[in-house]
Amino acid sequence: MMNGMILHESSRGIDVYTPESSLLKKRILFFTDEVNAESSNRMIEYLLYLDMNAPGEEITICINSPGGEVVSGLAVYDTIRGLKSPVRTVCIGTAASMGSILFLSGDKREMLPHTKIMIHDPLINGLSGSRKALELEKEAAQLMETRAIIAEIIAERSGNSLEDVYEKTKEDCYLDAGEAIDFGIATAVAESIL
């Protein structure tokens, strides 16, 4: 390996490739960034590419994300749920906030033994400065709508009631692999990523 590149000698000479391209051939993707428009668009491109080239073959997404933008995360979630290919998500560190919603998009949802999932009510950013009452009311209504969407996804994918989800997410709730399986968020402890 040299400067992030892998050199492989073959009968054609020396092939040079990145670990990412090698993993892509194995249908393994990594989401290890903050969830934002750039990281989400990149993930959607890879997912559509893999689904188009071999529909029906499993795609694995390894997740270690602090979360981020709800709209961007839901775009990835909806894309995954609409693919022809089954998707296996693997938590490889901490899947927090929108990272946990991406984790929930998988048909199989596995966690490495020492990983964590964090679910919570969505946050509102940018409350600094002066606000008019109607502006705050509008932001609060949008936040409650987002809260309902997130809770519905968690309830549907985990098999829990909305009431149980609202209770669990009223504060930051960290779950280890066993707890996540018990709550229905994860389906298994992963023996390995491959």
Protein backbone atom coordinates (compact mmCIF):
# COMPACT_ATOMS: atom_id res chain seq x y z
CA MET A 1 0.00 0.00 0.00
CA MET A 2 1.30 3.43 -0.92
CA ASN A 3 -0.38 6.77 -0.09
CA GLY A 4 -3.77 5.11 0.33
CA MET A 5 -3.36 3.19 -2.92
CA ILE A 6 -3.07 -0.58 -3.16
CA LEU A 7 -0.62 -2.02 -5.67
CA HIS A 8 -1.38 -5.47 -7.06
CA GLU A 9 0.85 -7.33 -9.48
CA SER A 10 -0.95 -9.35 -12.13
CA SER A 11 -0.22 -10.82 -15.55
CA ARG A 12 -1.20 -7.44 -17.04
CA GLY A 13 1.36 -5.60 -14.93
CA ILE A 14 0.75 -3.58 -11.78
CA ASP A 15 -2.82 -2.57 -10.97
CA VAL A 16 -3.34 0.41 -8.70
CA TYR A 17 -6.60 0.87 -6.81
CA THR A 18 -8.01 2.33 -3.62
CA PRO A 19 -9.49 0.34 -0.72
CA GLU A 20 -12.81 2.09 -1.48
CA SER A 21 -12.91 0.78 -5.05
CA SER A 22 -12.04 -2.73 -3.87
CA LEU A 23 -14.83 -2.64 -1.27
CA LEU A 24 -17.25 -1.22 -3.85
CA LYS A 25 -16.64 -4.30 -6.00
CA LYS A 26 -17.68 -6.39 -2.98
CA ARG A 27 -20.80 -4.15 -2.59
CA ILE A 28 -19.58 -2.73 0.74
CA LEU A 29 -20.07 0.99 1.41
CA PHE A 30 -19.08 3.12 4.38
CA PHE A 31 -21.10 6.00 5.84
CA THR A 32 -18.71 7.49 8.40
CA ASP A 33 -19.43 11.18 7.95
CA GLU A 34 -21.86 13.68 9.33
CA VAL A 35 -25.19 13.35 7.51
CA ASN A 36 -25.38 16.33 5.15
CA ALA A 37 -26.23 17.02 1.51
CA GLU A 38 -22.76 16.12 0.24
CA SER A 39 -22.33 12.83 2.13
CA SER A 40 -25.93 11.81 1.43
CA ASN A 41 -25.75 12.55 -2.29
CA ARG A 42 -22.53 10.54 -2.55
CA MET A 43 -24.14 7.58 -0.75
CA ILE A 44 -27.24 7.74 -2.96
CA GLU A 45 -25.06 7.71 -6.09
CA TYR A 46 -23.20 4.60 -4.91
CA LEU A 47 -26.43 2.86 -3.90
CA LEU A 48 -28.13 3.52 -7.24
CA TYR A 49 -25.01 2.42 -9.11
CA LEU A 50 -24.84 -0.90 -7.22
CA ASP A 51 -28.58 -1.51 -7.50
CA MET A 52 -28.56 -0.78 -11.23
CA ASN A 53 -25.59 -3.06 -11.94
CA ALA A 54 -26.73 -6.09 -9.94
CA PRO A 55 -30.32 -5.68 -8.73
CA GLY A 56 -31.17 -8.21 -6.06
CA GLU A 57 -27.62 -8.71 -4.78
CA GLU A 58 -27.05 -7.63 -1.17
CA ILE A 59 -25.40 -4.29 -0.42
CA THR A 60 -23.66 -3.78 2.94
CA ILE A 61 -23.44 -0.31 4.49
CA CYS A 62 -21.08 0.12 7.45
CA ILE A 63 -22.21 3.05 9.61
CA ASN A 64 -20.24 5.11 12.12
CA SER A 65 -21.95 8.49 11.99
CA PRO A 66 -22.74 11.23 14.52
CA GLY A 67 -25.92 12.05 12.60
CA GLY A 68 -26.79 15.37 11.06
CA GLU A 69 -29.38 16.85 8.74
CA VAL A 70 -32.79 15.18 8.83
CA VAL A 71 -33.78 15.98 5.23
CA SER A 72 -30.49 14.62 3.84
CA GLY A 73 -30.72 11.50 6.00
CA LEU A 74 -34.31 10.82 4.98
CA ALA A 75 -33.26 11.06 1.32
CA VAL A 76 -30.78 8.21 1.91
CA TYR A 77 -33.32 6.26 4.00
CA ASP A 78 -35.99 6.52 1.27
CA THR A 79 -33.47 5.55 -1.42
CA ILE A 80 -32.41 2.43 0.50
CA ARG A 81 -36.01 1.39 1.18
CA GLY A 82 -36.77 1.76 -2.56
CA LEU A 83 -33.88 -0.35 -3.89
CA LYS A 84 -34.38 -3.71 -5.60
CA SER A 85 -31.30 -4.99 -3.76
CA PRO A 86 -31.54 -6.03 -0.10
CA VAL A 87 -29.45 -3.87 2.21
CA ARG A 88 -27.52 -5.00 5.27
CA THR A 89 -26.50 -2.22 7.66
CA VAL A 90 -23.67 -2.78 10.12
CA CYS A 91 -22.93 -0.43 13.01
CA ILE A 92 -19.13 -0.22 13.28
CA GLY A 93 -18.82 2.46 15.97
CA THR A 94 -21.72 4.65 16.92
CA ALA A 95 -24.78 5.24 14.77
CA ALA A 96 -26.26 8.33 16.40
CA SER A 97 -29.30 10.45 15.65
CA MET A 98 -29.80 10.40 11.83
CA GLY A 99 -27.05 7.76 11.71
CA SER A 100 -29.40 5.48 13.65
CA ILE A 101 -32.19 6.13 11.13
CA LEU A 102 -29.81 5.15 8.32
CA PHE A 103 -29.01 2.01 10.32
CA LEU A 104 -32.73 1.25 10.58
CA SER A 105 -33.08 1.32 6.78
CA GLY A 106 -31.41 -2.09 6.46
CA ASP A 107 -33.24 -5.34 5.92
CA LYS A 108 -30.62 -6.96 8.15
CA ARG A 109 -29.33 -4.65 10.89
CA GLU A 110 -26.20 -5.88 12.63
CA MET A 111 -23.92 -4.36 15.23
CA LEU A 112 -20.33 -5.21 16.03
CA PRO A 113 -20.10 -6.35 19.67
CA HIS A 114 -18.83 -3.07 21.19
CA THR A 115 -20.86 -0.55 19.22
CA LYS A 116 -23.69 1.79 20.19
CA ILE A 117 -26.88 3.13 18.66
CA MET A 118 -28.21 6.48 19.86
CA ILE A 119 -31.80 7.51 19.25
CA HIS A 120 -33.44 10.73 20.39
CA ASP A 121 -35.97 13.40 19.51
CA PRO A 122 -34.74 15.68 16.72
CA LEU A 123 -33.00 18.91 17.67
CA ILE A 124 -33.61 22.41 16.40
CA ASN A 125 -30.53 24.40 15.44
CA GLY A 126 -29.96 28.12 15.33
CA LEU A 127 -32.12 29.47 18.12
CA SER A 128 -29.68 32.28 18.80
CA GLY A 129 -30.77 35.83 18.30
CA SER A 130 -34.18 37.46 18.39
CA ARG A 131 -37.24 35.63 17.12
CA LYS A 132 -40.83 36.69 16.66
CA ALA A 133 -43.55 34.60 18.27
CA LEU A 134 -44.94 33.39 14.93
CA GLU A 135 -41.45 32.38 13.74
CA LEU A 136 -40.96 30.29 16.88
CA GLU A 137 -44.41 28.76 16.49
CA LYS A 138 -43.65 27.77 12.90
CA GLU A 139 -40.28 26.25 13.86
CA ALA A 140 -41.89 24.35 16.73
CA ALA A 141 -44.56 22.95 14.39
CA GLN A 142 -41.88 21.82 11.92
CA LEU A 143 -39.90 20.23 14.73
CA MET A 144 -42.95 18.31 15.95
CA GLU A 145 -43.64 17.11 12.40
CA THR A 146 -40.05 15.88 12.11
CA ARG A 147 -40.36 14.22 15.53
CA ALA A 148 -43.43 12.32 14.32
CA ILE A 149 -41.69 11.16 11.11
CA ILE A 150 -38.62 9.92 13.01
CA ALA A 151 -40.74 8.17 15.67
CA GLU A 152 -42.85 6.46 12.99
CA ILE A 153 -39.73 5.12 11.28
CA ILE A 154 -38.31 3.81 14.56
CA ALA A 155 -41.66 2.25 15.51
CA GLU A 156 -42.20 0.62 12.11
CA ARG A 157 -38.68 -0.78 11.77
CA SER A 158 -38.34 -1.92 15.42
CA GLY A 159 -41.87 -3.25 15.92
CA ASN A 160 -42.51 -1.00 18.93
CA SER A 161 -45.49 1.23 19.58
CA LEU A 162 -45.22 4.97 18.98
CA GLU A 163 -45.77 5.52 22.70
CA ASP A 164 -42.78 3.29 23.54
CA VAL A 165 -40.64 5.09 20.96
CA TYR A 166 -41.61 8.54 22.26
CA GLU A 167 -40.77 7.42 25.78
CA LYS A 168 -37.39 6.00 24.70
CA THR A 169 -36.41 9.04 22.60
CA LYS A 170 -37.39 11.86 24.95
CA GLU A 171 -33.71 11.97 25.99
CA ASP A 172 -30.55 10.72 24.27
CA CYS A 173 -30.86 6.93 24.48
CA TYR A 174 -27.69 4.91 23.92
CA LEU A 175 -28.19 1.19 23.29
CA ASP A 176 -25.47 -1.44 23.13
CA ALA A 177 -25.88 -4.38 20.76
CA GLY A 178 -27.90 -6.49 23.19
CA GLU A 179 -30.19 -3.62 24.14
CA ALA A 180 -30.68 -2.64 20.50
CA ILE A 181 -31.66 -6.22 19.64
CA ASP A 182 -34.07 -6.35 22.60
CA PHE A 183 -35.71 -3.10 21.45
CA GLY A 184 -35.93 -4.34 17.84
CA ILE A 185 -33.56 -1.77 16.36
CA ALA A 186 -30.84 -4.32 15.53
CA THR A 187 -31.45 -7.84 14.28
CA ALA A 188 -28.14 -9.45 15.25
CA VAL A 189 -24.61 -9.06 16.54
CA ALA A 190 -22.24 -9.19 13.56
CA GLU A 191 -19.49 -11.78 13.67
CA SER A 192 -17.67 -9.84 10.96
CA ILE A 193 -18.30 -7.19 8.34
CA LEU A 194 -17.56 -9.47 5.38
